[in-house]
Amino acid sequence: YGPYDPQHPRAPYGRRHPHDPLGRTAERPLHDQTTASSELR
């Protein structure tokens, strides 16, 4: 897609992807492991 521009990093390669083939549905959140500590949460 072109070279990385360290001066303008918010626009990767000067263009946005034209299409998202997987759709933009609101999905359920990242699964929380029952073993996760309070530090993780």
Full PDB file with SEQRES, HELIX, SHEET, SSBOND, CRYST1, ORIGX, SCALE, CONECT and MASTER records, all heavy atoms in Angstrom:
SEQRES   1 A   41  TYR GLY PRO TYR ASP PRO GLN HIS PRO ARG ALA PRO TYR          
SEQRES   2 A   41  GLY ARG ARG HIS PRO HIS ASP PRO LEU GLY ARG THR ALA          
SEQRES   3 A   41  GLU ARG PRO LEU HIS ASP GLN THR THR ALA SER SER GLU          
SEQRES   4 A   41  LEU ARG                                                      
HELIX    1 AA1 PRO A   12  GLY A   14  5                                   3    
CRYST1    1.000    1.000    1.000  90.00  90.00  90.00 P 1           1          
ORIGX1      1.000000  0.000000  0.000000        0.00000                         
ORIGX2      0.000000  1.000000  0.000000        0.00000                         
ORIGX3      0.000000  0.000000  1.000000        0.00000                         
SCALE1      1.000000  0.000000  0.000000        0.00000                         
SCALE2      0.000000  1.000000  0.000000        0.00000                         
SCALE3      0.000000  0.000000  1.000000        0.00000                         
ATOM      1  N   TYR A   1       0.803  -1.221   0.000  1.00  0.00           N  
ATOM      2  CA  TYR A   1       0.000   0.000   0.000  1.00  0.00           C  
ATOM      3  C   TYR A   1       0.832   1.266   0.000  1.00  0.00           C  
ATOM      4  O   TYR A   1       0.301   2.360  -0.006  1.00  0.00           O  
ATOM      5  CB  TYR A   1      -0.961  -0.005   1.198  1.00  0.00           C  
ATOM      6  CG  TYR A   1      -2.170  -0.859   0.938  1.00  0.00           C  
ATOM      7  CD1 TYR A   1      -2.140  -2.222   1.200  1.00  0.00           C  
ATOM      8  CD2 TYR A   1      -3.324  -0.322   0.378  1.00  0.00           C  
ATOM      9  CE1 TYR A   1      -3.223  -3.023   0.932  1.00  0.00           C  
ATOM     10  CE2 TYR A   1      -4.413  -1.121   0.106  1.00  0.00           C  
ATOM     11  CZ  TYR A   1      -4.348  -2.470   0.382  1.00  0.00           C  
ATOM     12  OH  TYR A   1      -5.428  -3.271   0.094  1.00  0.00           O  
ATOM     13  N   GLY A   2       2.155   1.116   0.010  1.00  0.00           N  
ATOM     14  CA  GLY A   2       3.005   2.287  -0.037  1.00  0.00           C  
ATOM     15  C   GLY A   2       3.834   2.398   1.226  1.00  0.00           C  
ATOM     16  O   GLY A   2       3.680   1.632   2.171  1.00  0.00           O  
ATOM     17  N   PRO A   3       4.742   3.370   1.263  1.00  0.00           N  
ATOM     18  CA  PRO A   3       5.648   3.502   2.400  1.00  0.00           C  
ATOM     19  C   PRO A   3       4.991   4.120   3.630  1.00  0.00           C  
ATOM     20  O   PRO A   3       4.117   4.961   3.525  1.00  0.00           O  
ATOM     21  CB  PRO A   3       6.754   4.411   1.861  1.00  0.00           C  
ATOM     22  CG  PRO A   3       6.097   5.208   0.786  1.00  0.00           C  
ATOM     23  CD  PRO A   3       5.077   4.304   0.168  1.00  0.00           C  
ATOM     24  N   TYR A   4       5.450   3.669   4.782  1.00  0.00           N  
ATOM     25  CA  TYR A   4       5.078   4.269   6.061  1.00  0.00           C  
ATOM     26  C   TYR A   4       5.606   5.694   6.116  1.00  0.00           C  
ATOM     27  O   TYR A   4       6.754   5.958   5.747  1.00  0.00           O  
ATOM     28  CB  TYR A   4       5.676   3.417   7.186  1.00  0.00           C  
ATOM     29  CG  TYR A   4       5.828   4.093   8.522  1.00  0.00           C  
ATOM     30  CD1 TYR A   4       4.710   4.496   9.259  1.00  0.00           C  
ATOM     31  CD2 TYR A   4       7.091   4.304   9.079  1.00  0.00           C  
ATOM     32  CE1 TYR A   4       4.857   5.101  10.492  1.00  0.00           C  
ATOM     33  CE2 TYR A   4       7.242   4.904  10.309  1.00  0.00           C  
ATOM     34  CZ  TYR A   4       6.122   5.306  11.019  1.00  0.00           C  
ATOM     35  OH  TYR A   4       6.276   5.912  12.251  1.00  0.00           O  
ATOM     36  N   ASP A   5       4.769   6.618   6.561  1.00  0.00           N  
ATOM     37  CA  ASP A   5       5.178   8.018   6.686  1.00  0.00           C  
ATOM     38  C   ASP A   5       5.225   8.373   8.165  1.00  0.00           C  
ATOM     39  O   ASP A   5       4.184   8.580   8.795  1.00  0.00           O  
ATOM     40  CB  ASP A   5       4.182   8.924   5.952  1.00  0.00           C  
ATOM     41  CG  ASP A   5       4.596  10.397   5.992  1.00  0.00           C  
ATOM     42  OD1 ASP A   5       5.582  10.721   6.679  1.00  0.00           O  
ATOM     43  OD2 ASP A   5       3.919  11.216   5.352  1.00  0.00           O  
ATOM     44  N   PRO A   6       6.419   8.470   8.764  1.00  0.00           N  
ATOM     45  CA  PRO A   6       6.493   8.766  10.199  1.00  0.00           C  
ATOM     46  C   PRO A   6       5.986  10.150  10.557  1.00  0.00           C  
ATOM     47  O   PRO A   6       5.675  10.422  11.711  1.00  0.00           O  
ATOM     48  CB  PRO A   6       7.985   8.626  10.507  1.00  0.00           C  
ATOM     49  CG  PRO A   6       8.679   8.784   9.207  1.00  0.00           C  
ATOM     50  CD  PRO A   6       7.740   8.266   8.164  1.00  0.00           C  
ATOM     51  N   GLN A   7       5.875  11.045   9.554  1.00  0.00           N  
ATOM     52  CA  GLN A   7       5.364  12.393   9.829  1.00  0.00           C  
ATOM     53  C   GLN A   7       3.836  12.450   9.856  1.00  0.00           C  
ATOM     54  O   GLN A   7       3.261  13.371  10.414  1.00  0.00           O  
ATOM     55  CB  GLN A   7       5.898  13.370   8.768  1.00  0.00           C  
ATOM     56  CG  GLN A   7       7.400  13.446   8.706  1.00  0.00           C  
ATOM     57  CD  GLN A   7       8.017  13.825  10.043  1.00  0.00           C  
ATOM     58  OE1 GLN A   7       7.539  14.739  10.723  1.00  0.00           O  
ATOM     59  NE2 GLN A   7       9.069  13.115  10.427  1.00  0.00           N  
ATOM     60  N   HIS A   8       3.196  11.482   9.201  1.00  0.00           N  
ATOM     61  CA  HIS A   8       1.734  11.465   9.143  1.00  0.00           C  
ATOM     62  C   HIS A   8       1.228  10.049   9.405  1.00  0.00           C  
ATOM     63  O   HIS A   8       0.629   9.422   8.523  1.00  0.00           O  
ATOM     64  CB  HIS A   8       1.233  11.961   7.787  1.00  0.00           C  
ATOM     65  CG  HIS A   8       1.679  13.352   7.470  1.00  0.00           C  
ATOM     66  ND1 HIS A   8       2.838  13.606   6.786  1.00  0.00           N  
ATOM     67  CD2 HIS A   8       1.131  14.556   7.783  1.00  0.00           C  
ATOM     68  CE1 HIS A   8       2.987  14.926   6.667  1.00  0.00           C  
ATOM     69  NE2 HIS A   8       1.977  15.523   7.253  1.00  0.00           N  
ATOM     70  N   PRO A   9       1.445   9.529  10.616  1.00  0.00           N  
ATOM     71  CA  PRO A   9       1.132   8.114  10.865  1.00  0.00           C  
ATOM     72  C   PRO A   9      -0.343   7.792  10.946  1.00  0.00           C  
ATOM     73  O   PRO A   9      -0.728   6.639  10.849  1.00  0.00           O  
ATOM     74  CB  PRO A   9       1.805   7.871  12.218  1.00  0.00           C  
ATOM     75  CG  PRO A   9       1.837   9.213  12.882  1.00  0.00           C  
ATOM     76  CD  PRO A   9       2.036  10.188  11.776  1.00  0.00           C  
ATOM     77  N   ARG A  10      -1.209   8.785  11.085  1.00  0.00           N  
ATOM     78  CA  ARG A  10      -2.620   8.468  11.265  1.00  0.00           C  
ATOM     79  C   ARG A  10      -3.315   8.090   9.969  1.00  0.00           C  
ATOM     80  O   ARG A  10      -4.437   7.614   9.980  1.00  0.00           O  
ATOM     81  CB  ARG A  10      -3.365   9.632  11.919  1.00  0.00           C  
ATOM     82  CG  ARG A  10      -3.117   9.731  13.409  1.00  0.00           C  
ATOM     83  CD  ARG A  10      -4.156  10.603  14.073  1.00  0.00           C  
ATOM     84  NE  ARG A  10      -5.497  10.058  13.909  1.00  0.00           N  
ATOM     85  CZ  ARG A  10      -6.026   9.127  14.692  1.00  0.00           C  
ATOM     86  NH1 ARG A  10      -5.328   8.622  15.679  1.00  0.00           N  
ATOM     87  NH2 ARG A  10      -7.255   8.695  14.490  1.00  0.00           N  
ATOM     88  N   ALA A  11      -2.693   8.338   8.833  1.00  0.00           N  
ATOM     89  CA  ALA A  11      -3.296   7.956   7.552  1.00  0.00           C  
ATOM     90  C   ALA A  11      -2.410   6.912   6.896  1.00  0.00           C  
ATOM     91  O   ALA A  11      -1.510   7.242   6.130  1.00  0.00           O  
ATOM     92  CB  ALA A  11      -3.445   9.177   6.641  1.00  0.00           C  
ATOM     93  N   PRO A  12      -2.590   5.636   7.222  1.00  0.00           N  
ATOM     94  CA  PRO A  12      -1.679   4.626   6.692  1.00  0.00           C  
ATOM     95  C   PRO A  12      -1.636   4.626   5.178  1.00  0.00           C  
ATOM     96  O   PRO A  12      -2.633   4.385   4.527  1.00  0.00           O  
ATOM     97  CB  PRO A  12      -2.218   3.313   7.257  1.00  0.00           C  
ATOM     98  CG  PRO A  12      -3.591   3.595   7.735  1.00  0.00           C  
ATOM     99  CD  PRO A  12      -3.676   5.058   8.007  1.00  0.00           C  
ATOM    100  N   TYR A  13      -0.455   4.955   4.648  1.00  0.00           N  
ATOM    101  CA  TYR A  13      -0.193   4.896   3.211  1.00  0.00           C  
ATOM    102  C   TYR A  13      -1.106   5.810   2.406  1.00  0.00           C  
ATOM    103  O   TYR A  13      -1.369   5.576   1.249  1.00  0.00           O  
ATOM    104  CB  TYR A  13      -0.290   3.456   2.717  1.00  0.00           C  
ATOM    105  CG  TYR A  13       0.469   2.529   3.590  1.00  0.00           C  
ATOM    106  CD1 TYR A  13      -0.069   1.336   4.024  1.00  0.00           C  
ATOM    107  CD2 TYR A  13       1.740   2.871   4.033  1.00  0.00           C  
ATOM    108  CE1 TYR A  13       0.659   0.506   4.860  1.00  0.00           C  
ATOM    109  CE2 TYR A  13       2.458   2.048   4.865  1.00  0.00           C  
ATOM    110  CZ  TYR A  13       1.915   0.871   5.265  1.00  0.00           C  
ATOM    111  OH  TYR A  13       2.617   0.046   6.100  1.00  0.00           O  
ATOM    112  N   GLY A  14      -1.594   6.867   3.048  1.00  0.00           N  
ATOM    113  CA  GLY A  14      -2.304   7.898   2.317  1.00  0.00           C  
ATOM    114  C   GLY A  14      -3.696   7.531   1.871  1.00  0.00           C  
ATOM    115  O   GLY A  14      -4.307   8.241   1.089  1.00  0.00           O  
ATOM    116  N   ARG A  15      -4.236   6.390   2.338  1.00  0.00           N  
ATOM    117  CA  ARG A  15      -5.567   6.019   1.893  1.00  0.00           C  
ATOM    118  C   ARG A  15      -6.235   5.159   2.947  1.00  0.00           C  
ATOM    119  O   ARG A  15      -5.597   4.574   3.805  1.00  0.00           O  
ATOM    120  CB  ARG A  15      -5.518   5.277   0.555  1.00  0.00           C  
ATOM    121  CG  ARG A  15      -4.921   3.888   0.653  1.00  0.00           C  
ATOM    122  CD  ARG A  15      -4.594   3.341  -0.717  1.00  0.00           C  
ATOM    123  NE  ARG A  15      -5.783   3.183  -1.520  1.00  0.00           N  
ATOM    124  CZ  ARG A  15      -6.526   2.086  -1.549  1.00  0.00           C  
ATOM    125  NH1 ARG A  15      -6.229   1.057  -0.793  1.00  0.00           N  
ATOM    126  NH2 ARG A  15      -7.577   2.009  -2.323  1.00  0.00           N  
ATOM    127  N   ARG A  16      -7.521   5.086   2.886  1.00  0.00           N  
ATOM    128  CA  ARG A  16      -8.295   4.227   3.759  1.00  0.00           C  
ATOM    129  C   ARG A  16      -8.741   2.999   3.000  1.00  0.00           C  
ATOM    130  O   ARG A  16      -8.877   3.010   1.778  1.00  0.00           O  
ATOM    131  CB  ARG A  16      -9.533   4.983   4.262  1.00  0.00           C  
ATOM    132  CG  ARG A  16      -9.200   6.146   5.178  1.00  0.00           C  
ATOM    133  CD  ARG A  16      -8.837   5.662   6.565  1.00  0.00           C  
ATOM    134  NE  ARG A  16      -9.944   4.925   7.136  1.00  0.00           N  
ATOM    135  CZ  ARG A  16     -11.028   5.519   7.670  1.00  0.00           C  
ATOM    136  NH1 ARG A  16     -11.109   6.823   7.713  1.00  0.00           N  
ATOM    137  NH2 ARG A  16     -11.996   4.798   8.181  1.00  0.00           N  
ATOM    138  N   HIS A  17      -8.949   1.914   3.696  1.00  0.00           N  
ATOM    139  CA  HIS A  17      -9.448   0.711   3.028  1.00  0.00           C  
ATOM    140  C   HIS A  17     -10.830   1.011   2.452  1.00  0.00           C  
ATOM    141  O   HIS A  17     -11.641   1.719   3.071  1.00  0.00           O  
ATOM    142  CB  HIS A  17      -9.535  -0.458   4.015  1.00  0.00           C  
ATOM    143  CG  HIS A  17     -10.605  -0.260   5.034  1.00  0.00           C  
ATOM    144  ND1 HIS A  17     -11.864  -0.769   4.885  1.00  0.00           N  
ATOM    145  CD2 HIS A  17     -10.592   0.441   6.183  1.00  0.00           C  
ATOM    146  CE1 HIS A  17     -12.597  -0.401   5.919  1.00  0.00           C  
ATOM    147  NE2 HIS A  17     -11.858   0.319   6.723  1.00  0.00           N  
ATOM    148  N   PRO A  18     -11.153   0.554   1.244  1.00  0.00           N  
ATOM    149  CA  PRO A  18     -12.410   0.918   0.600  1.00  0.00           C  
ATOM    150  C   PRO A  18     -13.586   0.063   1.014  1.00  0.00           C  
ATOM    151  O   PRO A  18     -14.714   0.395   0.690  1.00  0.00           O  
ATOM    152  CB  PRO A  18     -12.096   0.727  -0.882  1.00  0.00           C  
ATOM    153  CG  PRO A  18     -11.100  -0.383  -0.892  1.00  0.00           C  
ATOM    154  CD  PRO A  18     -10.284  -0.211   0.355  1.00  0.00           C  
ATOM    155  N   HIS A  19     -13.325  -1.054   1.706  1.00  0.00           N  
ATOM    156  CA  HIS A  19     -14.427  -1.976   1.930  1.00  0.00           C  
ATOM    157  C   HIS A  19     -14.065  -2.924   3.058  1.00  0.00           C  
ATOM    158  O   HIS A  19     -12.920  -3.334   3.169  1.00  0.00           O  
ATOM    159  CB  HIS A  19     -14.668  -2.779   0.647  1.00  0.00           C  
ATOM    160  CG  HIS A  19     -15.730  -3.835   0.774  1.00  0.00           C  
ATOM    161  ND1 HIS A  19     -17.051  -3.529   0.956  1.00  0.00           N  
ATOM    162  CD2 HIS A  19     -15.637  -5.183   0.725  1.00  0.00           C  
ATOM    163  CE1 HIS A  19     -17.746  -4.667   1.007  1.00  0.00           C  
ATOM    164  NE2 HIS A  19     -16.904  -5.674   0.881  1.00  0.00           N  
ATOM    165  N   ASP A  20     -14.998  -3.232   3.899  1.00  0.00           N  
ATOM    166  CA  ASP A  20     -14.763  -4.210   4.960  1.00  0.00           C  
ATOM    167  C   ASP A  20     -15.613  -5.431   4.652  1.00  0.00           C  
ATOM    168  O   ASP A  20     -16.830  -5.419   4.835  1.00  0.00           O  
ATOM    169  CB  ASP A  20     -15.155  -3.619   6.314  1.00  0.00           C  
ATOM    170  CG  ASP A  20     -14.830  -4.560   7.458  1.00  0.00           C  
ATOM    171  OD1 ASP A  20     -14.645  -5.762   7.199  1.00  0.00           O  
ATOM    172  OD2 ASP A  20     -14.760  -4.090   8.601  1.00  0.00           O  
ATOM    173  N   PRO A  21     -15.011  -6.494   4.133  1.00  0.00           N  
ATOM    174  CA  PRO A  21     -15.797  -7.640   3.680  1.00  0.00           C  
ATOM    175  C   PRO A  21     -16.470  -8.408   4.796  1.00  0.00           C  
ATOM    176  O   PRO A  21     -17.340  -9.220   4.536  1.00  0.00           O  
ATOM    177  CB  PRO A  21     -14.768  -8.506   2.964  1.00  0.00           C  
ATOM    178  CG  PRO A  21     -13.471  -8.156   3.601  1.00  0.00           C  
ATOM    179  CD  PRO A  21     -13.573  -6.699   3.927  1.00  0.00           C  
ATOM    180  N   LEU A  22     -16.077  -8.160   6.037  1.00  0.00           N  
ATOM    181  CA  LEU A  22     -16.687  -8.909   7.133  1.00  0.00           C  
ATOM    182  C   LEU A  22     -17.851  -8.172   7.781  1.00  0.00           C  
ATOM    183  O   LEU A  22     -18.451  -8.658   8.727  1.00  0.00           O  
ATOM    184  CB  LEU A  22     -15.630  -9.234   8.196  1.00  0.00           C  
ATOM    185  CG  LEU A  22     -14.452 -10.074   7.702  1.00  0.00           C  
ATOM    186  CD1 LEU A  22     -13.584 -10.472   8.869  1.00  0.00           C  
ATOM    187  CD2 LEU A  22     -14.931 -11.313   6.982  1.00  0.00           C  
ATOM    188  N   GLY A  23     -18.127  -6.970   7.319  1.00  0.00           N  
ATOM    189  CA  GLY A  23     -19.246  -6.244   7.888  1.00  0.00           C  
ATOM    190  C   GLY A  23     -18.862  -5.463   9.122  1.00  0.00           C  
ATOM    191  O   GLY A  23     -17.781  -5.599   9.659  1.00  0.00           O  
ATOM    192  N   ARG A  24     -19.769  -4.623   9.641  1.00  0.00           N  
ATOM    193  CA  ARG A  24     -19.486  -3.765  10.779  1.00  0.00           C  
ATOM    194  C   ARG A  24     -20.540  -3.936  11.851  1.00  0.00           C  
ATOM    195  O   ARG A  24     -21.118  -2.982  12.342  1.00  0.00           O  
ATOM    196  CB  ARG A  24     -19.424  -2.312  10.343  1.00  0.00           C  
ATOM    197  CG  ARG A  24     -18.342  -2.059   9.292  1.00  0.00           C  
ATOM    198  CD  ARG A  24     -18.116  -0.589   9.098  1.00  0.00           C  
ATOM    199  NE  ARG A  24     -17.078  -0.358   8.090  1.00  0.00           N  
ATOM    200  CZ  ARG A  24     -16.497   0.807   7.905  1.00  0.00           C  
ATOM    201  NH1 ARG A  24     -16.816   1.825   8.634  1.00  0.00           N  
ATOM    202  NH2 ARG A  24     -15.568   0.937   6.982  1.00  0.00           N  
ATOM    203  N   THR A  25     -20.794  -5.134  12.217  1.00  0.00           N  
ATOM    204  CA  THR A  25     -21.797  -5.380  13.238  1.00  0.00           C  
ATOM    205  C   THR A  25     -21.209  -5.200  14.624  1.00  0.00           C  
ATOM    206  O   THR A  25     -20.031  -5.402  14.847  1.00  0.00           O  
ATOM    207  CB  THR A  25     -22.337  -6.808  13.109  1.00  0.00           C  
ATOM    208  OG1 THR A  25     -21.239  -7.721  13.195  1.00  0.00           O  
ATOM    209  CG2 THR A  25     -23.031  -7.010  11.784  1.00  0.00           C  
ATOM    210  N   ALA A  26     -22.034  -4.818  15.566  1.00  0.00           N  
ATOM    211  CA  ALA A  26     -21.599  -4.701  16.954  1.00  0.00           C  
ATOM    212  C   ALA A  26     -21.533  -6.088  17.555  1.00  0.00           C  
ATOM    213  O   ALA A  26     -22.523  -6.809  17.577  1.00  0.00           O  
ATOM    214  CB  ALA A  26     -22.576  -3.831  17.742  1.00  0.00           C  
ATOM    215  N   GLU A  27     -20.357  -6.467  18.018  1.00  0.00           N  
ATOM    216  CA  GLU A  27     -20.169  -7.829  18.489  1.00  0.00           C  
ATOM    217  C   GLU A  27     -19.975  -7.852  20.002  1.00  0.00           C  
ATOM    218  O   GLU A  27     -19.729  -6.846  20.623  1.00  0.00           O  
ATOM    219  CB  GLU A  27     -18.947  -8.439  17.791  1.00  0.00           C  
ATOM    220  CG  GLU A  27     -18.943  -8.278  16.282  1.00  0.00           C  
ATOM    221  CD  GLU A  27     -20.031  -9.075  15.587  1.00  0.00           C  
ATOM    222  OE1 GLU A  27     -20.707  -9.856  16.257  1.00  0.00           O  
ATOM    223  OE2 GLU A  27     -20.201  -8.903  14.369  1.00  0.00           O  
ATOM    224  N   ARG A  28     -20.049  -9.064  20.564  1.00  0.00           N  
ATOM    225  CA  ARG A  28     -19.897  -9.156  21.996  1.00  0.00           C  
ATOM    226  C   ARG A  28     -18.436  -8.935  22.389  1.00  0.00           C  
ATOM    227  O   ARG A  28     -17.528  -9.148  21.610  1.00  0.00           O  
ATOM    228  CB  ARG A  28     -20.402 -10.501  22.514  1.00  0.00           C  
ATOM    229  CG  ARG A  28     -19.632 -11.742  22.104  1.00  0.00           C  
ATOM    230  CD  ARG A  28     -20.334 -12.964  22.679  1.00  0.00           C  
ATOM    231  NE  ARG A  28     -19.730 -14.216  22.245  1.00  0.00           N  
ATOM    232  CZ  ARG A  28     -18.735 -14.815  22.876  1.00  0.00           C  
ATOM    233  NH1 ARG A  28     -18.216 -14.258  23.951  1.00  0.00           N  
ATOM    234  NH2 ARG A  28     -18.265 -15.959  22.438  1.00  0.00           N  
ATOM    235  N   PRO A  29     -18.185  -8.498  23.616  1.00  0.00           N  
ATOM    236  CA  PRO A  29     -16.840  -8.106  24.002  1.00  0.00           C  
ATOM    237  C   PRO A  29     -15.864  -9.271  24.085  1.00  0.00           C  
ATOM    238  O   PRO A  29     -16.260 -10.435  24.086  1.00  0.00           O  
ATOM    239  CB  PRO A  29     -17.022  -7.486  25.382  1.00  0.00           C  
ATOM    240  CG  PRO A  29     -18.457  -7.541  25.708  1.00  0.00           C  
ATOM    241  CD  PRO A  29     -19.163  -8.305  24.647  1.00  0.00           C  
ATOM    242  N   LEU A  30     -14.596  -8.888  24.188  1.00  0.00           N  
ATOM    243  CA  LEU A  30     -13.535  -9.858  24.383  1.00  0.00           C  
ATOM    244  C   LEU A  30     -13.854 -10.734  25.570  1.00  0.00           C  
ATOM    245  O   LEU A  30     -14.238 -10.269  26.626  1.00  0.00           O  
ATOM    246  CB  LEU A  30     -12.226  -9.104  24.638  1.00  0.00           C  
ATOM    247  CG  LEU A  30     -10.944  -9.884  24.769  1.00  0.00           C  
ATOM    248  CD1 LEU A  30     -10.564 -10.482  23.429  1.00  0.00           C  
ATOM    249  CD2 LEU A  30      -9.837  -8.948  25.240  1.00  0.00           C  
ATOM    250  N   HIS A  31     -13.690 -12.050  25.372  1.00  0.00           N  
ATOM    251  CA  HIS A  31     -14.017 -13.018  26.407  1.00  0.00           C  
ATOM    252  C   HIS A  31     -13.162 -12.786  27.652  1.00  0.00           C  
ATOM    253  O   HIS A  31     -11.960 -12.619  27.567  1.00  0.00           O  
ATOM    254  CB  HIS A  31     -13.767 -14.422  25.865  1.00  0.00           C  
ATOM    255  CG  HIS A  31     -13.976 -15.510  26.870  1.00  0.00           C  
ATOM    256  ND1 HIS A  31     -15.226 -15.939  27.215  1.00  0.00           N  
ATOM    257  CD2 HIS A  31     -13.091 -16.236  27.594  1.00  0.00           C  
ATOM    258  CE1 HIS A  31     -15.104 -16.923  28.105  1.00  0.00           C  
ATOM    259  NE2 HIS A  31     -13.814 -17.109  28.350  1.00  0.00           N  
ATOM    260  N   ASP A  32     -13.757 -12.760  28.830  1.00  0.00           N  
ATOM    261  CA  ASP A  32     -13.021 -12.631  30.079  1.00  0.00           C  
ATOM    262  C   ASP A  32     -12.699 -14.001  30.624  1.00  0.00           C  
ATOM    263  O   ASP A  32     -13.594 -14.798  30.891  1.00  0.00           O  
ATOM    264  CB  ASP A  32     -13.857 -11.879  31.132  1.00  0.00           C  
ATOM    265  CG  ASP A  32     -13.833 -10.387  30.913  1.00  0.00           C  
ATOM    266  OD1 ASP A  32     -12.811  -9.898  30.421  1.00  0.00           O  
ATOM    267  OD2 ASP A  32     -14.838  -9.729  31.228  1.00  0.00           O  
ATOM    268  N   GLN A  33     -11.409 -14.299  30.809  1.00  0.00           N  
ATOM    269  CA  GLN A  33     -11.020 -15.560  31.393  1.00  0.00           C  
ATOM    270  C   GLN A  33     -11.429 -15.592  32.863  1.00  0.00           C  
ATOM    271  O   GLN A  33     -11.266 -14.613  33.582  1.00  0.00           O  
ATOM    272  CB  GLN A  33      -9.496 -15.745  31.302  1.00  0.00           C  
ATOM    273  CG  GLN A  33      -8.997 -15.867  29.880  1.00  0.00           C  
ATOM    274  CD  GLN A  33      -9.478 -17.147  29.234  1.00  0.00           C  
ATOM    275  OE1 GLN A  33      -9.965 -18.044  29.905  1.00  0.00           O  
ATOM    276  NE2 GLN A  33      -9.355 -17.241  27.939  1.00  0.00           N  
ATOM    277  N   THR A  34     -11.934 -16.707  33.317  1.00  0.00           N  
ATOM    278  CA  THR A  34     -12.299 -16.829  34.722  1.00  0.00           C  
ATOM    279  C   THR A  34     -11.076 -16.805  35.618  1.00  0.00           C  
ATOM    280  O   THR A  34     -11.169 -16.510  36.800  1.00  0.00           O  
ATOM    281  CB  THR A  34     -13.058 -18.143  34.960  1.00  0.00           C  
ATOM    282  OG1 THR A  34     -12.242 -19.235  34.512  1.00  0.00           O  
ATOM    283  CG2 THR A  34     -14.353 -18.166  34.197  1.00  0.00           C  
ATOM    284  N   THR A  35      -9.889 -17.073  35.048  1.00  0.00           N  
ATOM    285  CA  THR A  35      -8.668 -17.059  35.848  1.00  0.00           C  
ATOM    286  C   THR A  35      -8.003 -15.697  35.874  1.00  0.00           C  
ATOM    287  O   THR A  35      -6.983 -15.520  36.518  1.00  0.00           O  
ATOM    288  CB  THR A  35      -7.659 -18.075  35.281  1.00  0.00           C  
ATOM    289  OG1 THR A  35      -7.407 -17.761  33.914  1.00  0.00           O  
ATOM    290  CG2 THR A  35      -8.177 -19.480  35.410  1.00  0.00           C  
ATOM    291  N   ALA A  36      -8.560 -14.722  35.136  1.00  0.00           N  
ATOM    292  CA  ALA A  36      -7.896 -13.416  35.073  1.00  0.00           C  
ATOM    293  C   ALA A  36      -7.902 -12.741  36.426  1.00  0.00           C  
ATOM    294  O   ALA A  36      -8.850 -12.772  37.179  1.00  0.00           O  
ATOM    295  CB  ALA A  36      -8.600 -12.530  34.052  1.00  0.00           C  
ATOM    296  N   SER A  37      -6.781 -12.090  36.718  1.00  0.00           N  
ATOM    297  CA  SER A  37      -6.655 -11.394  37.992  1.00  0.00           C  
ATOM    298  C   SER A  37      -7.314 -10.042  37.920  1.00  0.00           C  
ATOM    299  O   SER A  37      -7.655  -9.538  36.859  1.00  0.00           O  
ATOM    300  CB  SER A  37      -5.180 -11.228  38.334  1.00  0.00           C  
ATOM    301  OG  SER A  37      -4.568 -10.361  37.408  1.00  0.00           O  
ATOM    302  N   SER A  38      -7.451  -9.387  39.074  1.00  0.00           N  
ATOM    303  CA  SER A  38      -8.006  -8.038  39.091  1.00  0.00           C  
ATOM    304  C   SER A  38      -7.084  -7.093  38.335  1.00  0.00           C  
ATOM    305  O   SER A  38      -7.526  -6.096  37.794  1.00  0.00           O  
ATOM    306  CB  SER A  38      -8.184  -7.577  40.538  1.00  0.00           C  
ATOM    307  OG  SER A  38      -6.924  -7.600  41.210  1.00  0.00           O  
ATOM    308  N   GLU A  39      -5.783  -7.400  38.291  1.00  0.00           N  
ATOM    309  CA  GLU A  39      -4.847  -6.574  37.545  1.00  0.00           C  
ATOM    310  C   GLU A  39      -5.235  -6.530  36.076  1.00  0.00           C  
ATOM    311  O   GLU A  39      -5.167  -5.485  35.434  1.00  0.00           O  
ATOM    312  CB  GLU A  39      -3.453  -7.163  37.692  1.00  0.00           C  
ATOM    313  CG  GLU A  39      -2.377  -6.426  36.911  1.00  0.00           C  
ATOM    314  CD  GLU A  39      -1.032  -7.085  37.035  1.00  0.00           C  
ATOM    315  OE1 GLU A  39      -0.868  -8.216  36.559  1.00  0.00           O  
ATOM    316  OE2 GLU A  39      -0.130  -6.460  37.613  1.00  0.00           O  
ATOM    317  N   LEU A  40      -5.662  -7.660  35.508  1.00  0.00           N  
ATOM    318  CA  LEU A  40      -6.071  -7.698  34.110  1.00  0.00           C  
ATOM    319  C   LEU A  40      -7.298  -6.876  33.863  1.00  0.00           C  
ATOM    320  O   LEU A  40      -7.472  -6.250  32.836  1.00  0.00           O  
ATOM    321  CB  LEU A  40      -6.324  -9.132  33.693  1.00  0.00           C  
ATOM    322  CG  LEU A  40      -5.137  -9.930  33.162  1.00  0.00           C  
ATOM    323  CD1 LEU A  40      -5.569 -11.339  32.879  1.00  0.00           C  
ATOM    324  CD2 LEU A  40      -4.592  -9.292  31.916  1.00  0.00           C  
ATOM    325  N   ARG A  41      -8.222  -6.864  34.834  1.00  0.00           N  
ATOM    326  CA  ARG A  41      -9.488  -6.177  34.613  1.00  0.00           C  
ATOM    327  C   ARG A  41      -9.359  -4.677  34.874  1.00  0.00           C  
ATOM    328  O   ARG A  41     -10.212  -3.902  34.463  1.00  0.00           O  
ATOM    329  CB  ARG A  41     -10.579  -6.795  35.504  1.00  0.00           C  
ATOM    330  CG  ARG A  41     -10.946  -8.215  35.094  1.00  0.00           C  
ATOM    331  CD  ARG A  41     -12.165  -8.702  35.829  1.00  0.00           C  
ATOM    332  NE  ARG A  41     -11.912  -8.878  37.239  1.00  0.00           N  
ATOM    333  CZ  ARG A  41     -11.462 -10.008  37.772  1.00  0.00           C  
ATOM    334  NH1 ARG A  41     -11.206 -11.041  37.010  1.00  0.00           N  
ATOM    335  NH2 ARG A  41     -11.258 -10.113  39.077  1.00  0.00           N  
TER     336      ARG A  41                                                      
MASTER        0    0    0    1    0    0    0    6  335    1    0    4          
END                                                                             
